[in-house]
Amino acid sequence: MDRCYIEYLNASKNFQRDILYFEGENAYEDAVAWGQANLENFIRDMIKYV
């Protein structure tokens, strides 16, 4: 089971640091899909493993 996260600055929270976790067999693919859909400056290097 994979577990990874994306750490980013959340504009809706006054640019405070926010972390979003992804778990399961497709954690990396889910993180990539979420990042591409929700972050304008997303790069795959933003995904870190726990």
PDB file of N, CA and C in Angstrom:
ATOM      1  N   MET A   1       0.854  -1.187   0.000  1.00  0.00           N
ATOM      2  CA  MET A   1       0.000   0.000   0.000  1.00  0.00           C
ATOM      3  C   MET A   1       0.893   1.240   0.000  1.00  0.00           C
ATOM      4  N   ASP A   2       0.615   2.122  -0.897  1.00  0.00           N
ATOM      5  CA  ASP A   2       1.381   3.361  -1.005  1.00  0.00           C
ATOM      6  C   ASP A   2       0.692   4.465  -0.217  1.00  0.00           C
ATOM      7  N   ARG A   3       1.501   5.387   0.260  1.00  0.00           N
ATOM      8  CA  ARG A   3       0.970   6.580   0.923  1.00  0.00           C
ATOM      9  C   ARG A   3       1.877   7.744   0.546  1.00  0.00           C
ATOM     10  N   CYS A   4       1.286   8.767  -0.036  1.00  0.00           N
ATOM     11  CA  CYS A   4       2.048   9.940  -0.429  1.00  0.00           C
ATOM     12  C   CYS A   4       1.236  11.189  -0.134  1.00  0.00           C
ATOM     13  N   TYR A   5       1.870  12.347  -0.298  1.00  0.00           N
ATOM     14  CA  TYR A   5       1.186  13.603  -0.011  1.00  0.00           C
ATOM     15  C   TYR A   5       1.704  14.714  -0.901  1.00  0.00           C
ATOM     16  N   ILE A   6       0.882  15.753  -1.007  1.00  0.00           N
ATOM     17  CA  ILE A   6       1.257  16.980  -1.700  1.00  0.00           C
ATOM     18  C   ILE A   6       1.181  18.103  -0.676  1.00  0.00           C
ATOM     19  N   GLU A   7       2.262  18.848  -0.559  1.00  0.00           N
ATOM     20  CA  GLU A   7       2.300  20.020   0.324  1.00  0.00           C
ATOM     21  C   GLU A   7       2.255  21.259  -0.565  1.00  0.00           C
ATOM     22  N   TYR A   8       1.336  22.157  -0.280  1.00  0.00           N
ATOM     23  CA  TYR A   8       1.145  23.329  -1.134  1.00  0.00           C
ATOM     24  C   TYR A   8       0.640  24.504  -0.315  1.00  0.00           C
ATOM     25  N   LEU A   9       0.662  25.698  -0.899  1.00  0.00           N
ATOM     26  CA  LEU A   9       0.125  26.895  -0.256  1.00  0.00           C
ATOM     27  C   LEU A   9      -1.318  27.064  -0.720  1.00  0.00           C
ATOM     28  N   ASN A  10      -2.237  27.030   0.234  1.00  0.00           N
ATOM     29  CA  ASN A  10      -3.661  27.048  -0.067  1.00  0.00           C
ATOM     30  C   ASN A  10      -4.160  28.493  -0.155  1.00  0.00           C
ATOM     31  N   ALA A  11      -4.547  28.915  -1.339  1.00  0.00           N
ATOM     32  CA  ALA A  11      -5.011  30.290  -1.563  1.00  0.00           C
ATOM     33  C   ALA A  11      -6.281  30.599  -0.782  1.00  0.00           C
ATOM     34  N   SER A  12      -7.152  29.619  -0.612  1.00  0.00           N
ATOM     35  CA  SER A  12      -8.403  29.866   0.106  1.00  0.00           C
ATOM     36  C   SER A  12      -8.193  29.966   1.618  1.00  0.00           C
ATOM     37  N   LYS A  13      -7.009  29.611   2.094  1.00  0.00           N
ATOM     38  CA  LYS A  13      -6.677  29.737   3.519  1.00  0.00           C
ATOM     39  C   LYS A  13      -5.595  30.791   3.725  1.00  0.00           C
ATOM     40  N   ASN A  14      -5.648  31.841   2.915  1.00  0.00           N
ATOM     41  CA  ASN A  14      -4.712  32.960   3.016  1.00  0.00           C
ATOM     42  C   ASN A  14      -3.269  32.490   2.802  1.00  0.00           C
ATOM     43  N   PHE A  15      -3.080  31.565   1.869  1.00  0.00           N
ATOM     44  CA  PHE A  15      -1.779  31.036   1.471  1.00  0.00           C
ATOM     45  C   PHE A  15      -1.017  30.376   2.615  1.00  0.00           C
ATOM     46  N   GLN A  16      -1.748  29.699   3.466  1.00  0.00           N
ATOM     47  CA  GLN A  16      -1.113  28.904   4.513  1.00  0.00           C
ATOM     48  C   GLN A  16      -0.742  27.544   3.949  1.00  0.00           C
ATOM     49  N   ARG A  17       0.270  26.934   4.529  1.00  0.00           N
ATOM     50  CA  ARG A  17       0.721  25.613   4.083  1.00  0.00           C
ATOM     51  C   ARG A  17      -0.369  24.588   4.357  1.00  0.00           C
ATOM     52  N   ASP A  18      -0.624  23.734   3.374  1.00  0.00           N
ATOM     53  CA  ASP A  18      -1.645  22.702   3.493  1.00  0.00           C
ATOM     54  C   ASP A  18      -1.060  21.400   2.965  1.00  0.00           C
ATOM     55  N   ILE A  19      -1.490  20.289   3.524  1.00  0.00           N
ATOM     56  CA  ILE A  19      -1.008  18.972   3.111  1.00  0.00           C
ATOM     57  C   ILE A  19      -2.206  18.095   2.803  1.00  0.00           C
ATOM     58  N   LEU A  20      -2.166  17.431   1.662  1.00  0.00           N
ATOM     59  CA  LEU A  20      -3.231  16.530   1.250  1.00  0.00           C
ATOM     60  C   LEU A  20      -2.628  15.146   1.055  1.00  0.00           C
ATOM     61  N   TYR A  21      -3.155  14.156   1.800  1.00  0.00           N
ATOM     62  CA  TYR A  21      -2.634  12.789   1.757  1.00  0.00           C
ATOM     63  C   TYR A  21      -3.437  11.920   0.797  1.00  0.00           C
ATOM     64  N   PHE A  22      -2.746  10.976   0.175  1.00  0.00           N
ATOM     65  CA  PHE A  22      -3.353   9.998  -0.719  1.00  0.00           C
ATOM     66  C   PHE A  22      -2.875   8.619  -0.291  1.00  0.00           C
ATOM     67  N   GLU A  23      -3.793   7.656  -0.216  1.00  0.00           N
ATOM     68  CA  GLU A  23      -3.456   6.303   0.202  1.00  0.00           C
ATOM     69  C   GLU A  23      -4.047   5.288  -0.754  1.00  0.00           C
ATOM     70  N   GLY A  24      -3.463   4.113  -0.782  1.00  0.00           N
ATOM     71  CA  GLY A  24      -3.997   3.019  -1.581  1.00  0.00           C
ATOM     72  C   GLY A  24      -3.069   2.620  -2.704  1.00  0.00           C
ATOM     73  N   GLU A  25      -3.516   1.678  -3.497  1.00  0.00           N
ATOM     74  CA  GLU A  25      -2.707   1.159  -4.596  1.00  0.00           C
ATOM     75  C   GLU A  25      -2.409   2.216  -5.644  1.00  0.00           C
ATOM     76  N   ASN A  26      -3.335   3.135  -5.862  1.00  0.00           N
ATOM     77  CA  ASN A  26      -3.175   4.170  -6.887  1.00  0.00           C
ATOM     78  C   ASN A  26      -2.893   5.539  -6.284  1.00  0.00           C
ATOM     79  N   ALA A  27      -2.227   5.575  -5.146  1.00  0.00           N
ATOM     80  CA  ALA A  27      -2.000   6.840  -4.446  1.00  0.00           C
ATOM     81  C   ALA A  27      -1.244   7.837  -5.317  1.00  0.00           C
ATOM     82  N   TYR A  28      -0.181   7.399  -5.962  1.00  0.00           N
ATOM     83  CA  TYR A  28       0.610   8.312  -6.785  1.00  0.00           C
ATOM     84  C   TYR A  28      -0.206   8.856  -7.953  1.00  0.00           C
ATOM     85  N   GLU A  29      -0.924   7.980  -8.637  1.00  0.00           N
ATOM     86  CA  GLU A  29      -1.746   8.402  -9.775  1.00  0.00           C
ATOM     87  C   GLU A  29      -2.852   9.354  -9.333  1.00  0.00           C
ATOM     88  N   ASP A  30      -3.448   9.086  -8.166  1.00  0.00           N
ATOM     89  CA  ASP A  30      -4.475   9.979  -7.621  1.00  0.00           C
ATOM     90  C   ASP A  30      -3.891  11.344  -7.294  1.00  0.00           C
ATOM     91  N   ALA A  31      -2.689  11.349  -6.724  1.00  0.00           N
ATOM     92  CA  ALA A  31      -2.030  12.612  -6.380  1.00  0.00           C
ATOM     93  C   ALA A  31      -1.709  13.422  -7.633  1.00  0.00           C
ATOM     94  N   VAL A  32      -1.236  12.761  -8.667  1.00  0.00           N
ATOM     95  CA  VAL A  32      -0.936  13.445  -9.936  1.00  0.00           C
ATOM     96  C   VAL A  32      -2.214  14.039 -10.520  1.00  0.00           C
ATOM     97  N   ALA A  33      -3.271  13.254 -10.549  1.00  0.00           N
ATOM     98  CA  ALA A  33      -4.537  13.737 -11.110  1.00  0.00           C
ATOM     99  C   ALA A  33      -5.068  14.928 -10.323  1.00  0.00           C
ATOM    100  N   TRP A  34      -5.014  14.860  -8.998  1.00  0.00           N
ATOM    101  CA  TRP A  34      -5.505  15.967  -8.171  1.00  0.00           C
ATOM    102  C   TRP A  34      -4.634  17.208  -8.391  1.00  0.00           C
ATOM    103  N   GLY A  35      -3.331  17.033  -8.410  1.00  0.00           N
ATOM    104  CA  GLY A  35      -2.426  18.163  -8.594  1.00  0.00           C
ATOM    105  C   GLY A  35      -2.630  18.861  -9.927  1.00  0.00           C
ATOM    106  N   GLN A  36      -2.779  18.089 -10.989  1.00  0.00           N
ATOM    107  CA  GLN A  36      -2.984  18.685 -12.305  1.00  0.00           C
ATOM    108  C   GLN A  36      -4.319  19.412 -12.394  1.00  0.00           C
ATOM    109  N   ALA A  37      -5.321  18.918 -11.694  1.00  0.00           N
ATOM    110  CA  ALA A  37      -6.654  19.525 -11.757  1.00  0.00           C
ATOM    111  C   ALA A  37      -6.781  20.747 -10.850  1.00  0.00           C
ATOM    112  N   ASN A  38      -5.993  20.815  -9.778  1.00  0.00           N
ATOM    113  CA  ASN A  38      -6.225  21.845  -8.761  1.00  0.00           C
ATOM    114  C   ASN A  38      -5.092  22.836  -8.533  1.00  0.00           C
ATOM    115  N   LEU A  39      -3.902  22.551  -9.020  1.00  0.00           N
ATOM    116  CA  LEU A  39      -2.767  23.444  -8.796  1.00  0.00           C
ATOM    117  C   LEU A  39      -2.222  23.939 -10.126  1.00  0.00           C
ATOM    118  N   GLU A  40      -2.188  25.245 -10.277  1.00  0.00           N
ATOM    119  CA  GLU A  40      -1.756  25.851 -11.540  1.00  0.00           C
ATOM    120  C   GLU A  40      -0.291  25.548 -11.839  1.00  0.00           C
ATOM    121  N   ASN A  41       0.556  25.561 -10.820  1.00  0.00           N
ATOM    122  CA  ASN A  41       1.999  25.361 -11.014  1.00  0.00           C
ATOM    123  C   ASN A  41       2.450  23.971 -10.572  1.00  0.00           C
ATOM    124  N   PHE A  42       1.609  22.971 -10.744  1.00  0.00           N
ATOM    125  CA  PHE A  42       1.907  21.614 -10.290  1.00  0.00           C
ATOM    126  C   PHE A  42       3.036  20.978 -11.088  1.00  0.00           C
ATOM    127  N   ILE A  43       3.972  20.368 -10.349  1.00  0.00           N
ATOM    128  CA  ILE A  43       4.993  19.518 -10.947  1.00  0.00           C
ATOM    129  C   ILE A  43       5.052  18.236 -10.121  1.00  0.00           C
ATOM    130  N   ARG A  44       5.422  17.151 -10.740  1.00  0.00           N
ATOM    131  CA  ARG A  44       5.393  15.845 -10.062  1.00  0.00           C
ATOM    132  C   ARG A  44       6.355  15.777  -8.882  1.00  0.00           C
ATOM    133  N   ASP A  45       7.363  16.649  -8.831  1.00  0.00           N
ATOM    134  CA  ASP A  45       8.295  16.678  -7.714  1.00  0.00           C
ATOM    135  C   ASP A  45       7.623  17.135  -6.421  1.00  0.00           C
ATOM    136  N   MET A  46       6.428  17.674  -6.500  1.00  0.00           N
ATOM    137  CA  MET A  46       5.707  18.116  -5.305  1.00  0.00           C
ATOM    138  C   MET A  46       5.150  16.921  -4.514  1.00  0.00           C
ATOM    139  N   ILE A  47       5.107  15.753  -5.124  1.00  0.00           N
ATOM    140  CA  ILE A  47       4.565  14.566  -4.462  1.00  0.00           C
ATOM    141  C   ILE A  47       5.670  13.914  -3.650  1.00  0.00           C
ATOM    142  N   LYS A  48       5.429  13.716  -2.374  1.00  0.00           N
ATOM    143  CA  LYS A  48       6.394  13.102  -1.456  1.00  0.00           C
ATOM    144  C   LYS A  48       5.785  11.841  -0.861  1.00  0.00           C
ATOM    145  N   TYR A  49       6.647  10.884  -0.539  1.00  0.00           N
ATOM    146  CA  TYR A  49       6.190   9.641   0.100  1.00  0.00           C
ATOM    147  C   TYR A  49       6.390   9.714   1.602  1.00  0.00           C
ATOM    148  N   VAL A  50       5.447   9.102   2.322  1.00  0.00           N
ATOM    149  CA  VAL A  50       5.510   9.069   3.796  1.00  0.00           C
ATOM    150  C   VAL A  50       6.385   7.904   4.211  1.00  0.00           C
TER     151      VAL A  50
END
